[in-house]
N, C-alpha and C. Protein backbone atom coordinates (compact mmCIF):
# COMPACT_ATOMS: atom_id res chain seq x y z
N PHE A 1 121.30 37.13 -20.34
CA PHE A 1 122.19 37.66 -21.35
C PHE A 1 123.67 37.49 -20.97
N GLU A 2 124.02 37.78 -19.74
CA GLU A 2 125.42 37.67 -19.31
C GLU A 2 125.96 36.28 -19.40
N GLY A 3 125.25 35.30 -18.88
CA GLY A 3 125.72 33.94 -18.90
C GLY A 3 125.79 33.39 -20.32
N GLU A 4 124.80 33.69 -21.10
CA GLU A 4 124.77 33.21 -22.48
C GLU A 4 125.89 33.87 -23.25
N LYS A 5 126.15 35.14 -23.02
CA LYS A 5 127.23 35.83 -23.74
C LYS A 5 128.59 35.21 -23.42
N ARG A 6 128.82 34.93 -22.16
CA ARG A 6 130.11 34.35 -21.76
C ARG A 6 130.26 32.96 -22.39
N THR A 7 129.21 32.18 -22.34
CA THR A 7 129.27 30.84 -22.92
C THR A 7 129.50 30.93 -24.45
N ALA A 8 128.81 31.82 -25.12
CA ALA A 8 128.98 31.99 -26.56
C ALA A 8 130.39 32.44 -26.89
N HIS A 9 130.94 33.34 -26.09
CA HIS A 9 132.30 33.83 -26.32
C HIS A 9 133.31 32.68 -26.18
N LEU A 10 133.13 31.86 -25.13
CA LEU A 10 134.00 30.69 -24.94
C LEU A 10 133.89 29.71 -26.10
N MET A 11 132.68 29.45 -26.53
CA MET A 11 132.48 28.55 -27.65
C MET A 11 133.08 29.08 -28.93
N MET A 12 132.85 30.37 -29.20
CA MET A 12 133.42 31.02 -30.39
C MET A 12 134.94 30.87 -30.40
N ASN A 13 135.58 31.20 -29.28
CA ASN A 13 137.05 31.11 -29.20
C ASN A 13 137.49 29.67 -29.25
N GLY A 14 136.73 28.75 -28.72
CA GLY A 14 137.11 27.33 -28.84
C GLY A 14 137.12 26.86 -30.28
N VAL A 15 136.12 27.29 -31.05
CA VAL A 15 136.05 26.94 -32.46
C VAL A 15 137.23 27.56 -33.22
N LEU A 16 137.51 28.84 -32.95
CA LEU A 16 138.60 29.50 -33.62
C LEU A 16 139.93 28.79 -33.32
N MET A 17 140.16 28.54 -32.02
CA MET A 17 141.43 27.93 -31.61
C MET A 17 141.57 26.50 -32.11
N SER A 18 140.48 25.76 -32.16
CA SER A 18 140.56 24.39 -32.68
C SER A 18 140.88 24.36 -34.19
N ALA A 19 140.62 25.51 -34.85
CA ALA A 19 140.94 25.65 -36.28
C ALA A 19 142.33 26.25 -36.45
N GLY A 20 143.04 26.46 -35.36
CA GLY A 20 144.39 27.04 -35.44
C GLY A 20 144.41 28.53 -35.52
N LEU A 21 143.33 29.21 -35.22
CA LEU A 21 143.24 30.64 -35.27
C LEU A 21 143.33 31.25 -33.89
N ASP A 22 143.70 32.53 -33.81
CA ASP A 22 143.76 33.21 -32.54
C ASP A 22 142.35 33.47 -32.00
N ALA A 23 142.25 33.55 -30.67
CA ALA A 23 140.99 33.87 -30.02
C ALA A 23 140.71 35.38 -30.18
N ILE A 24 139.48 35.75 -30.00
CA ILE A 24 139.08 37.18 -30.06
C ILE A 24 138.80 37.66 -28.64
N SER A 25 139.39 38.78 -28.31
CA SER A 25 139.16 39.39 -27.01
C SER A 25 138.44 40.74 -27.22
N ILE A 26 137.45 41.00 -26.40
CA ILE A 26 136.73 42.27 -26.51
C ILE A 26 137.29 43.21 -25.42
N PRO A 27 137.99 44.25 -25.84
CA PRO A 27 138.58 45.19 -24.88
C PRO A 27 137.48 45.88 -24.05
N ALA A 28 137.87 46.23 -22.84
CA ALA A 28 136.91 46.89 -21.95
C ALA A 28 136.32 48.15 -22.53
N ASP A 29 137.13 48.91 -23.29
CA ASP A 29 136.62 50.16 -23.83
C ASP A 29 135.67 49.92 -25.01
N LYS A 30 135.51 48.69 -25.47
CA LYS A 30 134.54 48.41 -26.53
C LYS A 30 133.39 47.53 -26.05
N ALA A 31 133.35 47.24 -24.74
CA ALA A 31 132.32 46.35 -24.21
C ALA A 31 130.91 46.91 -24.36
N ILE A 32 130.74 48.20 -24.13
CA ILE A 32 129.40 48.79 -24.23
C ILE A 32 128.92 48.73 -25.71
N ASP A 33 129.84 49.07 -26.64
CA ASP A 33 129.51 48.98 -28.03
C ASP A 33 129.13 47.56 -28.43
N PHE A 34 129.86 46.58 -27.92
CA PHE A 34 129.57 45.19 -28.21
C PHE A 34 128.18 44.81 -27.69
N ARG A 35 127.87 45.21 -26.48
CA ARG A 35 126.57 44.88 -25.91
C ARG A 35 125.42 45.53 -26.69
N GLN A 36 125.64 46.75 -27.15
CA GLN A 36 124.59 47.43 -27.96
C GLN A 36 124.40 46.69 -29.27
N LYS A 37 125.48 46.27 -29.88
CA LYS A 37 125.37 45.52 -31.13
C LYS A 37 124.67 44.18 -30.92
N MET A 38 124.96 43.55 -29.77
CA MET A 38 124.30 42.28 -29.47
C MET A 38 122.80 42.48 -29.24
N VAL A 39 122.40 43.55 -28.58
CA VAL A 39 120.98 43.82 -28.38
C VAL A 39 120.31 43.99 -29.73
N ARG A 40 120.95 44.78 -30.63
CA ARG A 40 120.37 44.98 -31.97
C ARG A 40 120.27 43.64 -32.73
N PHE A 41 121.27 42.79 -32.54
CA PHE A 41 121.25 41.45 -33.17
C PHE A 41 120.07 40.64 -32.65
N TYR A 42 119.88 40.62 -31.29
CA TYR A 42 118.76 39.88 -30.71
C TYR A 42 117.43 40.39 -31.23
N GLU A 43 117.31 41.71 -31.38
CA GLU A 43 116.04 42.30 -31.86
C GLU A 43 115.80 42.07 -33.33
N SER A 44 116.86 42.18 -34.15
CA SER A 44 116.68 42.11 -35.58
C SER A 44 116.96 40.72 -36.21
N LYS A 45 117.70 39.91 -35.47
CA LYS A 45 118.15 38.59 -35.96
C LYS A 45 119.14 38.75 -37.14
N ASN A 46 119.69 39.91 -37.31
CA ASN A 46 120.68 40.19 -38.35
C ASN A 46 122.07 40.32 -37.70
N ALA A 47 122.93 39.36 -37.98
CA ALA A 47 124.23 39.30 -37.29
C ALA A 47 125.34 40.09 -37.99
N ASP A 48 125.04 40.73 -39.11
CA ASP A 48 126.07 41.40 -39.88
C ASP A 48 126.90 42.38 -39.05
N GLU A 49 126.22 43.24 -38.30
CA GLU A 49 126.91 44.30 -37.54
C GLU A 49 127.83 43.70 -36.47
N VAL A 50 127.34 42.74 -35.73
CA VAL A 50 128.15 42.16 -34.66
C VAL A 50 129.26 41.28 -35.22
N MET A 51 129.04 40.64 -36.35
CA MET A 51 130.07 39.83 -36.97
C MET A 51 131.20 40.69 -37.49
N GLU A 52 130.88 41.83 -38.08
CA GLU A 52 131.88 42.79 -38.56
C GLU A 52 132.68 43.31 -37.37
N PHE A 53 131.99 43.61 -36.29
CA PHE A 53 132.65 44.12 -35.08
C PHE A 53 133.65 43.08 -34.56
N LEU A 54 133.24 41.83 -34.48
CA LEU A 54 134.12 40.77 -33.98
C LEU A 54 135.28 40.53 -34.96
N ALA A 55 135.01 40.55 -36.24
CA ALA A 55 136.08 40.35 -37.22
C ALA A 55 137.13 41.45 -37.12
N ASP A 56 136.67 42.68 -36.86
CA ASP A 56 137.61 43.78 -36.73
C ASP A 56 138.50 43.62 -35.50
N LEU A 57 138.05 42.87 -34.51
CA LEU A 57 138.84 42.63 -33.30
C LEU A 57 139.81 41.46 -33.45
N HIS A 58 139.64 40.64 -34.44
CA HIS A 58 140.48 39.47 -34.60
C HIS A 58 141.90 39.89 -34.97
N PRO A 59 142.89 39.40 -34.21
CA PRO A 59 144.28 39.83 -34.42
C PRO A 59 144.78 39.65 -35.86
N ALA A 60 144.50 38.54 -36.48
CA ALA A 60 145.01 38.29 -37.82
C ALA A 60 144.39 39.27 -38.81
N LEU A 61 143.10 39.50 -38.71
CA LEU A 61 142.43 40.44 -39.60
C LEU A 61 142.87 41.85 -39.34
N ASN A 62 143.06 42.20 -38.08
CA ASN A 62 143.53 43.49 -37.71
C ASN A 62 144.90 43.78 -38.33
N ASN A 63 145.82 42.81 -38.25
CA ASN A 63 147.15 42.97 -38.85
C ASN A 63 147.07 43.08 -40.35
N THR A 64 146.16 42.34 -40.98
CA THR A 64 145.99 42.41 -42.42
C THR A 64 145.52 43.77 -42.81
N LYS A 65 144.57 44.34 -42.07
CA LYS A 65 144.07 45.67 -42.40
C LYS A 65 145.18 46.72 -42.25
N LYS A 66 146.00 46.59 -41.24
CA LYS A 66 147.13 47.53 -41.03
C LYS A 66 148.09 47.43 -42.20
N LEU A 67 148.41 46.20 -42.61
CA LEU A 67 149.32 46.00 -43.74
C LEU A 67 148.76 46.57 -45.02
N ASP A 68 147.44 46.35 -45.26
CA ASP A 68 146.80 46.90 -46.44
C ASP A 68 146.85 48.41 -46.43
N ALA A 69 146.61 49.03 -45.29
CA ALA A 69 146.65 50.49 -45.20
C ALA A 69 148.05 51.00 -45.46
N GLU A 70 149.04 50.30 -44.94
CA GLU A 70 150.46 50.72 -45.18
C GLU A 70 150.79 50.59 -46.66
N LYS A 71 150.32 49.49 -47.30
CA LYS A 71 150.59 49.28 -48.73
C LYS A 71 149.93 50.40 -49.55
N GLU A 72 148.68 50.74 -49.17
CA GLU A 72 147.95 51.79 -49.88
C GLU A 72 148.70 53.12 -49.78
N LYS A 73 149.16 53.42 -48.57
CA LYS A 73 149.85 54.69 -48.35
C LYS A 73 151.15 54.71 -49.18
N LYS A 74 151.89 53.59 -49.16
CA LYS A 74 153.11 53.49 -49.93
C LYS A 74 152.84 53.67 -51.43
N SER A 75 151.78 53.03 -51.88
CA SER A 75 151.39 53.11 -53.29
C SER A 75 151.06 54.55 -53.68
N GLU A 76 150.34 55.25 -52.81
CA GLU A 76 149.98 56.65 -53.06
C GLU A 76 151.27 57.50 -53.14
N ASN A 77 152.18 57.23 -52.21
CA ASN A 77 153.45 57.98 -52.22
C ASN A 77 154.25 57.71 -53.49
N ASP A 78 154.31 56.44 -53.88
CA ASP A 78 155.05 56.08 -55.10
C ASP A 78 154.43 56.73 -56.34
N PHE A 79 153.08 56.79 -56.35
CA PHE A 79 152.37 57.38 -57.48
C PHE A 79 152.70 58.88 -57.55
N GLY A 80 152.69 59.54 -56.39
CA GLY A 80 153.02 60.96 -56.35
C GLY A 80 154.43 61.25 -56.80
N ARG A 81 155.35 60.40 -56.46
CA ARG A 81 156.76 60.57 -56.85
C ARG A 81 156.98 60.42 -58.36
N SER A 82 156.13 59.63 -59.00
CA SER A 82 156.29 59.40 -60.46
C SER A 82 156.00 60.68 -61.24
N PHE A 83 155.36 61.65 -60.66
CA PHE A 83 155.05 62.89 -61.35
C PHE A 83 156.03 64.00 -60.98
N GLN A 84 156.96 63.72 -60.13
CA GLN A 84 157.92 64.78 -59.70
C GLN A 84 159.12 64.83 -60.61
């Protein structure tokens, strides 16, 4: 599992970087969660959970989610002001 995981991570980041995208890094505090999701993937052959986890770690997607949340908050504030 360890060697395959490292190889897969390198390959994944190689593909991302060759497409001009940032690499994905799994922070130490999320490593156990990642391993648990990988075990469930190996058992179920359903990659949805682990793919969502990895997508959430991608810098570009993470920044997009932050921007969307900020836009939503601003929109809610603007809506509230229209009734004042």
